[in-house]
């Protein structure tokens, strides 16, 4: 299992960067894909309507998602999923990306 991304409750503006690679470790050109990051609490999507990622360097497979306060309002261990899609292709990561949100003091 991956090490969990650590966030604090009500964090906002934190940028999570994804480097998309194929099975041989080569960058996936994201130019022709929409990239979405879905954050789940069990079966419940926490960031509905806010899943779209930026693509600061599409050709090198770099995508990013900016956390909002709505994403981090609850504490616990959540699961993220990354999806690349276009009119022909729908690629989803296998497994999940653990995201731990800790209570702010």
C-alpha atoms as a PDB file:
ATOM      1  CA  UNK A   1       0.000   0.000   0.000  1.00  0.00           C
ATOM      2  CA  UNK A   2       1.154   3.534  -0.721  1.00  0.00           C
ATOM      3  CA  UNK A   3       2.018   5.896   2.088  1.00  0.00           C
ATOM      4  CA  UNK A   4      -1.006   8.098   2.781  1.00  0.00           C
ATOM      5  CA  UNK A   5      -1.036  11.728   1.718  1.00  0.00           C
ATOM      6  CA  UNK A   6      -1.232  13.649   4.999  1.00  0.00           C
ATOM      7  CA  UNK A   7      -3.585  16.630   5.283  1.00  0.00           C
ATOM      8  CA  UNK A   8      -5.147  18.553   8.154  1.00  0.00           C
ATOM      9  CA  UNK A   9      -8.837  19.135   8.626  1.00  0.00           C
ATOM     10  CA  UNK A  10     -10.026  22.201   6.663  1.00  0.00           C
ATOM     11  CA  UNK A  11      -6.797  22.409   4.645  1.00  0.00           C
ATOM     12  CA  UNK A  12      -7.251  24.303   1.391  1.00  0.00           C
ATOM     13  CA  UNK A  13      -4.895  25.257  -1.408  1.00  0.00           C
ATOM     14  CA  UNK A  14      -2.605  22.242  -0.975  1.00  0.00           C
ATOM     15  CA  UNK A  15      -1.540  20.982  -4.404  1.00  0.00           C
ATOM     16  CA  UNK A  16      -1.209  17.227  -4.926  1.00  0.00           C
ATOM     17  CA  UNK A  17       1.024  16.456  -7.919  1.00  0.00           C
ATOM     18  CA  UNK A  18       0.662  13.259  -9.949  1.00  0.00           C
ATOM     19  CA  UNK A  19       3.289  11.961 -12.373  1.00  0.00           C
ATOM     20  CA  UNK A  20       1.485   9.645 -14.792  1.00  0.00           C
ATOM     21  CA  UNK A  21       3.679   6.865 -16.175  1.00  0.00           C
ATOM     22  CA  UNK A  22       3.048   3.755 -18.251  1.00  0.00           C
ATOM     23  CA  UNK A  23       4.064   0.241 -17.180  1.00  0.00           C
ATOM     24  CA  UNK A  24       7.596   0.863 -18.498  1.00  0.00           C
ATOM     25  CA  UNK A  25       7.996   4.058 -16.485  1.00  0.00           C
ATOM     26  CA  UNK A  26       7.638   6.402 -19.463  1.00  0.00           C
ATOM     27  CA  UNK A  27       5.542   9.581 -19.079  1.00  0.00           C
ATOM     28  CA  UNK A  28       1.984   9.379 -20.391  1.00  0.00           C
ATOM     29  CA  UNK A  29       1.270  12.379 -22.645  1.00  0.00           C
ATOM     30  CA  UNK A  30      -1.844  13.918 -21.086  1.00  0.00           C
ATOM     31  CA  UNK A  31      -2.475  16.387 -23.904  1.00  0.00           C
ATOM     32  CA  UNK A  32      -5.508  14.481 -25.216  1.00  0.00           C
ATOM     33  CA  UNK A  33      -6.899  13.422 -21.819  1.00  0.00           C
ATOM     34  CA  UNK A  34      -9.024  14.975 -19.127  1.00  0.00           C
ATOM     35  CA  UNK A  35      -7.492  14.083 -15.747  1.00  0.00           C
ATOM     36  CA  UNK A  36      -9.702  13.733 -12.675  1.00  0.00           C
ATOM     37  CA  UNK A  37      -8.918  12.981  -9.027  1.00  0.00           C
ATOM     38  CA  UNK A  38     -11.803  11.404  -7.115  1.00  0.00           C
ATOM     39  CA  UNK A  39     -11.721  11.409  -3.302  1.00  0.00           C
ATOM     40  CA  UNK A  40     -13.913   8.764  -1.665  1.00  0.00           C
ATOM     41  CA  UNK A  41     -15.153   7.988   1.827  1.00  0.00           C
ATOM     42  CA  UNK A  42     -16.146   4.385   1.207  1.00  0.00           C
ATOM     43  CA  UNK A  43     -18.574   4.645  -1.720  1.00  0.00           C
ATOM     44  CA  UNK A  44     -19.302   8.369  -1.182  1.00  0.00           C
ATOM     45  CA  UNK A  45     -17.563  10.822  -3.503  1.00  0.00           C
ATOM     46  CA  UNK A  46     -16.374  13.762  -1.376  1.00  0.00           C
ATOM     47  CA  UNK A  47     -15.281  16.130  -4.126  1.00  0.00           C
ATOM     48  CA  UNK A  48     -18.175  15.833  -6.565  1.00  0.00           C
ATOM     49  CA  UNK A  49     -18.099  18.659  -9.078  1.00  0.00           C
ATOM     50  CA  UNK A  50     -14.457  19.475  -8.203  1.00  0.00           C
ATOM     51  CA  UNK A  51     -12.524  16.495  -9.589  1.00  0.00           C
ATOM     52  CA  UNK A  52     -10.772  18.081 -12.582  1.00  0.00           C
ATOM     53  CA  UNK A  53      -6.985  18.283 -12.360  1.00  0.00           C
ATOM     54  CA  UNK A  54      -4.665  20.854 -13.874  1.00  0.00           C
ATOM     55  CA  UNK A  55      -2.000  19.699 -16.328  1.00  0.00           C
ATOM     56  CA  UNK A  56       1.037  21.961 -15.813  1.00  0.00           C
ATOM     57  CA  UNK A  57       3.212  19.730 -18.021  1.00  0.00           C
ATOM     58  CA  UNK A  58       0.950  17.514 -20.137  1.00  0.00           C
ATOM     59  CA  UNK A  59       3.683  16.034 -22.308  1.00  0.00           C
ATOM     60  CA  UNK A  60       5.653  14.822 -19.269  1.00  0.00           C
ATOM     61  CA  UNK A  61       2.564  13.306 -17.630  1.00  0.00           C
ATOM     62  CA  UNK A  62       2.242  15.859 -14.824  1.00  0.00           C
ATOM     63  CA  UNK A  63      -1.184  16.595 -13.387  1.00  0.00           C
ATOM     64  CA  UNK A  64      -2.192  18.336 -10.159  1.00  0.00           C
ATOM     65  CA  UNK A  65      -5.233  18.675  -7.933  1.00  0.00           C
ATOM     66  CA  UNK A  66      -5.763  21.571  -5.540  1.00  0.00           C
ATOM     67  CA  UNK A  67      -7.410  20.586  -2.247  1.00  0.00           C
ATOM     68  CA  UNK A  68     -10.411  22.627  -1.091  1.00  0.00           C
ATOM     69  CA  UNK A  69     -11.728  23.052   2.445  1.00  0.00           C
ATOM     70  CA  UNK A  70     -14.776  20.985   1.408  1.00  0.00           C
ATOM     71  CA  UNK A  71     -12.439  18.076   0.574  1.00  0.00           C
ATOM     72  CA  UNK A  72     -10.949  18.104   4.073  1.00  0.00           C
ATOM     73  CA  UNK A  73     -13.948  18.903   6.273  1.00  0.00           C
ATOM     74  CA  UNK A  74     -14.052  15.381   7.765  1.00  0.00           C
ATOM     75  CA  UNK A  75     -11.217  13.480   9.461  1.00  0.00           C
ATOM     76  CA  UNK A  76     -10.225   9.926   8.647  1.00  0.00           C
ATOM     77  CA  UNK A  77      -8.563   7.740   6.047  1.00  0.00           C
ATOM     78  CA  UNK A  78     -10.017   8.256   2.577  1.00  0.00           C
ATOM     79  CA  UNK A  79      -9.204   6.814  -0.831  1.00  0.00           C
ATOM     80  CA  UNK A  80      -8.312   8.735  -3.960  1.00  0.00           C
ATOM     81  CA  UNK A  81      -8.573   7.502  -7.541  1.00  0.00           C
ATOM     82  CA  UNK A  82      -7.033   9.033 -10.646  1.00  0.00           C
ATOM     83  CA  UNK A  83      -8.749   8.814 -14.047  1.00  0.00           C
ATOM     84  CA  UNK A  84      -7.535   9.761 -17.529  1.00  0.00           C
ATOM     85  CA  UNK A  85     -10.308   9.957 -20.104  1.00  0.00           C
ATOM     86  CA  UNK A  86     -11.311  11.207 -23.509  1.00  0.00           C
ATOM     87  CA  UNK A  87     -14.022  10.254 -26.018  1.00  0.00           C
ATOM     88  CA  UNK A  88     -12.275   6.938 -26.772  1.00  0.00           C
ATOM     89  CA  UNK A  89     -10.382   5.957 -23.616  1.00  0.00           C
ATOM     90  CA  UNK A  90     -11.112   5.699 -19.890  1.00  0.00           C
ATOM     91  CA  UNK A  91      -8.042   4.753 -17.801  1.00  0.00           C
ATOM     92  CA  UNK A  92      -8.398   4.393 -14.029  1.00  0.00           C
ATOM     93  CA  UNK A  93      -5.613   3.665 -11.577  1.00  0.00           C
ATOM     94  CA  UNK A  94      -5.620   0.221 -10.013  1.00  0.00           C
ATOM     95  CA  UNK A  95      -5.869   0.332  -6.257  1.00  0.00           C
ATOM     96  CA  UNK A  96      -6.201   3.604  -4.477  1.00  0.00           C
ATOM     97  CA  UNK A  97      -4.294   6.610  -3.258  1.00  0.00           C
ATOM     98  CA  UNK A  98      -4.710   6.818   0.530  1.00  0.00           C
ATOM     99  CA  UNK A  99      -5.414  10.286   1.905  1.00  0.00           C
ATOM    100  CA  UNK A 100      -5.374  10.788   5.675  1.00  0.00           C
ATOM    101  CA  UNK A 101      -7.045  13.888   7.066  1.00  0.00           C
ATOM    102  CA  UNK A 102      -6.089  14.650  10.661  1.00  0.00           C
ATOM    103  CA  UNK A 103      -7.901  16.857  13.137  1.00  0.00           C
ATOM    104  CA  UNK A 104      -6.514  20.382  13.379  1.00  0.00           C
ATOM    105  CA  UNK A 105      -5.673  21.669  16.831  1.00  0.00           C
END
